[in-house]
N, C-alpha and C. Protein backbone atom coordinates (compact mmCIF):
# COMPACT_ATOMS: atom_id res chain seq x y z
N MET A 1 81.77 103.05 99.21
CA MET A 1 82.89 102.55 99.02
C MET A 1 82.40 101.72 100.66
N SER A 2 82.64 100.38 100.30
CA SER A 2 83.44 98.81 101.48
C SER A 2 84.57 98.80 101.69
N LEU A 3 85.16 99.16 102.69
CA LEU A 3 86.63 98.71 102.93
C LEU A 3 87.01 97.70 103.96
N GLN A 4 87.96 97.40 103.33
CA GLN A 4 88.28 96.23 104.41
C GLN A 4 89.10 96.61 105.69
N PRO A 5 88.87 96.21 106.94
CA PRO A 5 90.21 96.74 108.21
C PRO A 5 91.12 96.27 107.61
N PHE A 6 92.25 97.57 107.76
CA PHE A 6 94.03 96.86 107.40
C PHE A 6 93.99 96.38 109.18
N HIS A 7 95.50 95.93 108.81
CA HIS A 7 96.37 95.62 109.82
C HIS A 7 97.27 96.32 109.58
N LEU A 8 98.06 96.32 110.83
CA LEU A 8 99.07 97.62 110.55
C LEU A 8 99.92 97.37 112.03
N ALA A 9 100.94 96.33 112.30
CA ALA A 9 101.85 97.08 113.05
C ALA A 9 103.29 97.73 113.05
N ILE A 10 103.50 98.17 114.14
CA ILE A 10 104.05 99.49 114.65
C ILE A 10 105.86 99.12 115.14
N PRO A 11 106.85 99.35 115.19
CA PRO A 11 107.31 98.87 116.04
C PRO A 11 107.54 100.28 117.90
N VAL A 12 107.23 99.85 118.58
CA VAL A 12 107.54 101.00 119.84
C VAL A 12 108.76 100.33 121.12
N TYR A 13 109.07 100.73 121.44
CA TYR A 13 110.54 101.21 122.27
C TYR A 13 110.19 101.09 123.99
N ASP A 14 108.57 101.42 124.23
CA ASP A 14 108.12 101.23 125.54
C ASP A 14 106.35 101.09 124.69
N VAL A 15 106.66 99.60 125.56
CA VAL A 15 105.24 99.45 125.22
C VAL A 15 104.45 100.31 126.14
N ALA A 16 104.98 100.44 127.28
CA ALA A 16 103.64 100.92 128.44
C ALA A 16 103.83 102.02 127.94
N LEU A 17 104.20 103.36 127.35
CA LEU A 17 104.29 104.56 127.32
C LEU A 17 103.25 104.75 125.89
N ALA A 18 103.68 103.57 124.85
CA ALA A 18 102.97 103.68 123.45
C ALA A 18 101.39 103.29 123.69
N ARG A 19 101.07 102.80 124.66
CA ARG A 19 99.62 101.99 125.43
C ARG A 19 98.93 102.86 125.61
N GLY A 20 99.53 104.13 126.68
CA GLY A 20 99.13 105.22 127.43
C GLY A 20 98.25 105.80 126.39
N PHE A 21 99.33 105.92 125.56
CA PHE A 21 98.88 107.10 124.52
C PHE A 21 97.92 106.63 123.61
N TYR A 22 97.87 105.05 123.13
CA TYR A 22 97.70 104.80 122.03
C TYR A 22 95.36 104.78 123.34
N ARG A 23 95.46 104.46 124.10
CA ARG A 23 94.56 104.31 124.67
C ARG A 23 93.81 105.55 125.64
N ASP A 24 94.51 106.58 126.05
CA ASP A 24 94.18 107.53 126.75
C ASP A 24 94.32 108.73 125.18
N VAL A 25 95.07 108.92 124.83
CA VAL A 25 94.77 110.36 124.06
C VAL A 25 93.95 110.03 122.95
N PHE A 26 93.76 109.03 122.51
CA PHE A 26 92.49 108.45 121.78
C PHE A 26 91.56 108.46 121.29
N GLY A 27 91.60 107.39 122.71
CA GLY A 27 90.62 106.99 123.83
C GLY A 27 90.49 105.75 122.92
N LEU A 28 91.36 105.19 122.12
CA LEU A 28 90.85 103.28 122.36
C LEU A 28 91.15 102.01 122.37
N GLU A 29 90.12 101.31 122.25
CA GLU A 29 89.40 100.04 122.68
C GLU A 29 90.78 99.01 122.13
N GLU A 30 90.93 98.68 123.91
CA GLU A 30 92.45 97.63 123.70
C GLU A 30 91.64 95.62 123.18
N GLY A 31 92.43 95.62 122.26
CA GLY A 31 92.31 93.97 121.98
C GLY A 31 92.76 93.46 122.67
N ARG A 32 93.94 92.00 122.38
CA ARG A 32 94.22 91.25 123.02
C ARG A 32 95.73 91.91 123.06
N SER A 33 96.25 90.75 124.24
CA SER A 33 97.65 91.86 124.57
C SER A 33 98.52 91.03 125.13
N ASP A 34 99.88 91.51 124.43
CA ASP A 34 100.79 90.67 125.91
C ASP A 34 102.05 91.42 126.47
N GLU A 35 102.64 91.12 127.40
CA GLU A 35 103.90 92.11 127.91
C GLU A 35 104.56 93.12 126.61
N LYS A 36 104.74 92.24 125.50
CA LYS A 36 105.70 92.78 124.24
C LYS A 36 105.00 93.44 123.12
N TRP A 37 103.57 93.81 123.14
CA TRP A 37 101.96 93.57 121.81
C TRP A 37 101.24 93.96 122.20
N VAL A 38 100.06 94.72 121.47
CA VAL A 38 98.68 95.42 122.45
C VAL A 38 97.90 95.47 121.38
N ASP A 39 96.99 94.77 120.92
CA ASP A 39 96.00 95.24 120.11
C ASP A 39 95.54 96.38 120.14
N PHE A 40 95.06 97.30 118.98
CA PHE A 40 93.84 98.46 119.39
C PHE A 40 92.91 98.71 118.34
N ASN A 41 91.72 98.88 117.99
CA ASN A 41 91.13 98.74 117.63
C ASN A 41 91.19 100.83 116.65
N PHE A 42 91.79 100.50 115.93
CA PHE A 42 92.37 102.34 115.84
C PHE A 42 91.55 102.68 114.30
N PHE A 43 90.48 102.67 114.84
CA PHE A 43 88.51 103.65 114.06
C PHE A 43 88.77 102.79 112.89
N GLY A 44 88.20 101.21 113.71
CA GLY A 44 88.33 100.73 113.04
C GLY A 44 89.09 99.32 112.11
N HIS A 45 89.75 99.42 112.19
CA HIS A 45 91.16 99.41 111.83
C HIS A 45 92.16 98.45 112.76
N GLN A 46 92.81 97.33 112.95
CA GLN A 46 93.69 96.32 113.65
C GLN A 46 95.08 97.13 113.54
N LEU A 47 95.25 97.80 114.82
CA LEU A 47 96.69 98.61 115.12
C LEU A 47 97.29 97.74 115.93
N VAL A 48 98.63 97.12 115.91
CA VAL A 48 99.66 96.35 117.16
C VAL A 48 101.00 96.84 116.84
N ILE A 49 100.78 97.47 118.71
CA ILE A 49 102.17 97.93 118.84
C ILE A 49 102.53 96.78 119.45
N HIS A 50 104.01 96.48 119.27
CA HIS A 50 104.91 95.67 119.40
C HIS A 50 106.53 96.12 120.33
N TYR A 51 107.04 95.80 120.49
CA TYR A 51 108.44 95.99 121.60
C TYR A 51 109.34 95.98 120.33
N HIS A 52 109.74 97.14 120.54
CA HIS A 52 110.93 97.29 119.12
C HIS A 52 111.76 97.83 119.51
N PRO A 53 113.38 97.76 119.37
CA PRO A 53 114.28 98.63 119.73
C PRO A 53 114.11 99.83 118.92
N LYS A 54 114.20 101.25 119.61
CA LYS A 54 113.76 102.04 118.34
C LYS A 54 114.53 101.98 117.17
N THR A 55 114.10 102.87 116.27
CA THR A 55 114.57 102.50 114.93
C THR A 55 115.03 103.94 114.65
N PRO A 56 115.91 104.19 113.43
CA PRO A 56 116.67 105.13 112.59
C PRO A 56 115.17 106.36 112.79
N SER A 57 114.38 106.05 111.86
CA SER A 57 112.57 106.96 112.03
C SER A 57 112.51 107.10 112.90
N GLN A 58 112.52 106.62 114.35
CA GLN A 58 112.13 106.94 115.54
C GLN A 58 112.92 108.25 116.36
N GLN A 59 114.48 108.00 115.77
CA GLN A 59 115.52 109.03 116.20
C GLN A 59 115.24 110.75 115.87
N GLN A 60 114.97 109.69 114.05
CA GLN A 60 114.80 111.28 113.44
C GLN A 60 114.41 111.34 112.14
N ALA A 61 112.81 111.26 111.90
CA ALA A 61 112.22 111.16 110.52
C ALA A 61 112.95 112.45 109.81
N GLU A 62 112.64 111.08 108.59
CA GLU A 62 113.20 111.63 107.28
C GLU A 62 112.06 112.87 106.63
N THR A 63 112.07 113.59 106.08
CA THR A 63 110.58 114.83 105.65
C THR A 63 111.15 114.72 104.19
N ASN A 64 109.78 114.53 103.33
CA ASN A 64 109.09 115.30 101.67
C ASN A 64 109.12 116.86 102.44
N PRO A 65 109.22 117.35 101.14
CA PRO A 65 108.20 118.70 101.33
C PRO A 65 107.11 118.61 100.55
N VAL A 66 105.08 118.90 101.00
CA VAL A 66 104.57 119.00 100.68
C VAL A 66 103.99 120.49 101.34
N ASP A 67 102.61 121.31 99.82
CA ASP A 67 102.44 122.56 100.70
C ASP A 67 103.58 123.39 101.19
N GLY A 68 104.43 123.35 101.04
CA GLY A 68 105.48 124.33 102.23
C GLY A 68 105.24 123.75 103.26
N HIS A 69 104.94 122.46 103.50
CA HIS A 69 105.46 121.35 104.99
C HIS A 69 106.86 120.81 105.18
N ASP A 70 107.12 120.53 105.48
CA ASP A 70 108.26 118.94 106.09
C ASP A 70 107.12 118.10 106.62
N VAL A 71 106.70 116.85 105.14
CA VAL A 71 106.22 116.30 105.85
C VAL A 71 107.15 114.41 106.70
N PRO A 72 106.74 114.48 107.04
CA PRO A 72 107.86 113.45 108.15
C PRO A 72 107.36 111.76 107.50
N VAL A 73 108.20 110.75 106.57
CA VAL A 73 108.19 110.16 106.80
C VAL A 73 109.37 108.21 106.88
N PRO A 74 108.39 107.39 107.27
CA PRO A 74 106.96 106.89 106.90
C PRO A 74 106.38 107.66 108.28
N HIS A 75 105.45 107.86 107.46
CA HIS A 75 103.87 108.42 108.47
C HIS A 75 102.38 106.79 108.49
N PHE A 76 101.66 107.26 109.07
CA PHE A 76 100.64 106.89 108.92
C PHE A 76 99.87 107.37 109.67
N GLY A 77 98.01 107.47 109.83
CA GLY A 77 96.95 107.66 110.05
C GLY A 77 95.23 107.39 109.66
N VAL A 78 94.24 107.91 109.49
CA VAL A 78 93.38 107.57 109.01
C VAL A 78 92.73 109.14 107.79
N VAL A 79 91.96 108.41 107.47
CA VAL A 79 90.73 109.72 106.86
C VAL A 79 89.54 109.55 107.16
N LEU A 80 89.42 110.52 107.72
CA LEU A 80 88.41 111.04 108.90
C LEU A 80 87.04 111.55 107.78
N THR A 81 85.72 111.27 108.27
CA THR A 81 84.86 112.41 108.53
C THR A 81 85.81 114.02 108.64
N TRP A 82 85.21 114.77 108.05
CA TRP A 82 85.45 116.43 108.38
C TRP A 82 85.36 116.82 109.77
N GLU A 83 84.48 116.66 110.76
CA GLU A 83 83.13 116.17 111.48
C GLU A 83 84.06 115.79 112.84
N GLN A 84 85.07 114.32 112.60
CA GLN A 84 85.55 113.88 112.89
C GLN A 84 87.36 114.17 113.68
N TRP A 85 87.41 114.37 111.81
CA TRP A 85 88.41 114.94 112.00
C TRP A 85 88.82 116.79 113.06
N HIS A 86 88.13 117.57 112.85
CA HIS A 86 87.83 118.50 113.29
C HIS A 86 87.87 117.97 115.46
N GLN A 87 86.93 117.47 115.77
CA GLN A 87 87.17 116.54 117.30
C GLN A 87 87.79 116.30 117.94
N LEU A 88 88.76 115.66 116.60
CA LEU A 88 89.88 115.05 117.40
C LEU A 88 91.05 116.31 117.20
N ALA A 89 91.38 116.96 116.44
CA ALA A 89 92.08 118.17 116.26
C ALA A 89 92.25 118.63 117.66
N GLU A 90 90.81 118.67 117.72
CA GLU A 90 90.34 119.59 119.37
C GLU A 90 90.70 118.91 120.06
N ARG A 91 90.77 117.32 120.55
CA ARG A 91 90.96 116.69 121.70
C ARG A 91 92.50 116.87 121.92
N LEU A 92 93.26 115.97 121.00
CA LEU A 92 94.90 116.55 121.08
C LEU A 92 94.63 118.19 121.41
N LYS A 93 94.70 118.76 120.70
CA LYS A 93 95.27 120.19 121.72
C LYS A 93 95.03 120.12 122.93
N GLN A 94 93.28 119.91 122.79
CA GLN A 94 93.64 119.72 124.86
C GLN A 94 93.86 119.09 125.26
N GLN A 95 95.04 117.99 125.13
CA GLN A 95 95.25 116.35 125.22
C GLN A 95 97.09 117.38 125.38
N GLY A 96 97.20 118.29 124.69
CA GLY A 96 98.47 118.79 125.14
C GLY A 96 100.01 118.67 124.16
N THR A 97 99.10 118.17 122.68
CA THR A 97 99.63 117.62 121.49
C THR A 97 100.59 118.62 120.59
N GLN A 98 101.83 118.09 120.93
CA GLN A 98 103.01 118.88 120.65
C GLN A 98 102.80 118.53 118.90
N PHE A 99 102.41 119.40 117.88
CA PHE A 99 101.77 118.75 116.81
C PHE A 99 103.05 119.41 115.76
N VAL A 100 103.86 118.69 114.94
CA VAL A 100 104.86 118.23 113.80
C VAL A 100 104.26 119.25 112.69
N ILE A 101 102.64 119.28 112.26
CA ILE A 101 102.44 120.37 111.39
C ILE A 101 101.24 120.46 112.20
N GLU A 102 100.61 121.61 112.35
CA GLU A 102 99.66 122.06 112.92
C GLU A 102 98.56 121.54 112.46
N PRO A 103 97.24 121.09 113.07
CA PRO A 103 95.98 121.25 111.93
C PRO A 103 95.39 122.38 110.94
N TYR A 104 95.64 122.10 109.86
CA TYR A 104 95.16 123.08 108.80
C TYR A 104 94.93 122.67 107.38
N ILE A 105 94.49 123.14 106.41
CA ILE A 105 93.37 122.65 105.39
C ILE A 105 94.95 123.14 104.20
N ARG A 106 94.71 122.11 103.74
CA ARG A 106 96.14 121.72 102.97
C ARG A 106 94.98 121.80 101.05
N PHE A 107 96.19 122.52 100.04
CA PHE A 107 95.40 122.88 98.95
C PHE A 107 94.44 123.64 99.02
N LYS A 108 93.86 124.27 99.36
CA LYS A 108 92.96 125.05 99.91
C LYS A 108 92.60 125.06 98.33
N GLY A 109 91.42 125.41 98.41
CA GLY A 109 90.88 125.61 97.08
C GLY A 109 91.24 124.63 95.44
N GLN A 110 92.15 124.14 95.63
CA GLN A 110 92.15 123.21 94.29
C GLN A 110 91.84 121.65 94.48
N VAL A 111 92.17 120.79 93.63
CA VAL A 111 92.08 119.80 93.18
C VAL A 111 92.65 119.16 94.55
N GLY A 112 91.54 118.27 95.59
CA GLY A 112 92.60 117.41 96.52
C GLY A 112 92.21 118.41 97.98
N GLU A 113 92.07 119.34 98.36
CA GLU A 113 91.32 120.01 98.91
C GLU A 113 91.35 119.47 100.41
N GLN A 114 92.82 119.25 101.55
CA GLN A 114 92.07 118.29 103.11
C GLN A 114 92.83 119.33 103.82
N ALA A 115 91.76 118.44 104.59
CA ALA A 115 92.30 119.10 106.45
C ALA A 115 93.50 118.08 106.71
N THR A 116 94.70 118.85 107.62
CA THR A 116 95.45 117.56 107.25
C THR A 116 96.07 118.16 108.64
N MET A 117 96.67 117.33 109.60
CA MET A 117 97.71 117.49 110.37
C MET A 117 98.91 116.16 110.69
N PHE A 118 99.85 116.35 111.85
CA PHE A 118 101.07 115.97 111.81
C PHE A 118 101.47 115.87 113.21
N PHE A 119 101.61 114.18 113.59
CA PHE A 119 102.44 114.87 114.70
C PHE A 119 102.87 113.34 115.95
N LEU A 120 103.84 112.93 116.91
CA LEU A 120 104.49 112.18 116.86
C LEU A 120 103.93 111.07 117.64
N ASP A 121 104.06 109.36 118.21
CA ASP A 121 103.28 108.94 118.92
C ASP A 121 104.89 109.44 119.84
N PRO A 122 104.50 108.48 121.97
CA PRO A 122 105.77 108.88 122.23
C PRO A 122 107.46 108.09 122.06
N CYS A 123 107.00 106.91 120.95
CA CYS A 123 108.54 106.28 120.19
C CYS A 123 108.66 107.38 119.26
N GLY A 124 107.90 108.08 118.96
CA GLY A 124 108.85 109.03 117.41
C GLY A 124 107.81 108.45 115.94
N ASN A 125 106.72 107.37 116.48
CA ASN A 125 106.22 107.18 115.01
C ASN A 125 105.16 108.66 114.86
N ALA A 126 105.30 108.39 113.40
CA ALA A 126 104.60 109.87 112.65
C ALA A 126 103.34 109.42 113.05
N LEU A 127 102.15 110.53 112.42
CA LEU A 127 101.05 110.36 112.84
C LEU A 127 99.84 111.21 111.56
N GLU A 128 99.39 111.00 110.69
CA GLU A 128 98.90 111.95 109.51
C GLU A 128 97.07 111.68 110.03
N PHE A 129 96.72 111.95 110.17
CA PHE A 129 94.88 112.31 110.32
C PHE A 129 94.50 113.44 109.34
N LYS A 130 93.45 112.82 108.07
CA LYS A 130 93.17 113.91 107.31
C LYS A 130 92.01 113.72 107.20
N ALA A 131 91.09 115.05 106.22
CA ALA A 131 89.91 114.23 105.92
C ALA A 131 89.64 115.11 104.64
N PHE A 132 88.59 115.15 103.70
CA PHE A 132 88.03 115.56 103.32
C PHE A 132 86.30 116.24 102.93
N LYS A 133 85.83 117.25 102.85
CA LYS A 133 84.89 117.41 102.35
C LYS A 133 83.91 117.30 101.22
N ASP A 134 84.83 117.31 100.87
CA ASP A 134 84.09 115.91 99.03
C ASP A 134 85.37 114.76 98.86
N PHE A 135 84.67 113.83 99.96
CA PHE A 135 85.35 112.48 99.92
C PHE A 135 86.02 111.98 98.08
N SER A 136 85.00 111.82 97.69
CA SER A 136 85.35 111.78 96.27
C SER A 136 86.47 113.04 95.84
N GLN A 137 86.99 113.27 96.01
CA GLN A 137 88.87 114.39 95.78
C GLN A 137 89.81 112.92 96.43
N LEU A 138 89.17 112.06 97.57
CA LEU A 138 90.53 111.52 98.20
C LEU A 138 91.55 110.79 97.17
N PHE A 139 91.73 110.56 95.77
CA PHE A 139 92.61 109.83 95.02
C PHE A 139 92.39 110.53 93.93
N ALA A 140 91.61 111.91 93.49
CA ALA A 140 91.69 113.48 92.81
C ALA A 140 92.86 113.01 92.15
N LYS A 141 93.63 113.90 91.09
CA LYS A 141 94.45 114.40 90.35
C LYS A 141 94.64 115.50 90.24
């Protein structure tokens, strides 16, 4: 499957703090920038952080129950390879990341079994990264 890169612009109330997080925690390459926004290469996709006053979801995320966990909504992230996911989980742990949902295997032994983890950026935006041992399960019912 060949995918086109997506473009996602998210609000951040502290551009410098968010810039450091995406650059240093993930090691993302910066693209164009201005004092109120920064482009990043987000695993081959274009993520842009834009200055915006704190939003209600950044103050208090709503949640939905999934597999016995309270999943923050809204959230975004990338589906990684199994190896990339484990490497990122280890990197985040070494960086002292506070997880909303610790890295674990969701739907174990069921259709759609996946590795997942949730955490917040410093401006309260929720991120989820997941991986499938069997990538064909991505849209399985």
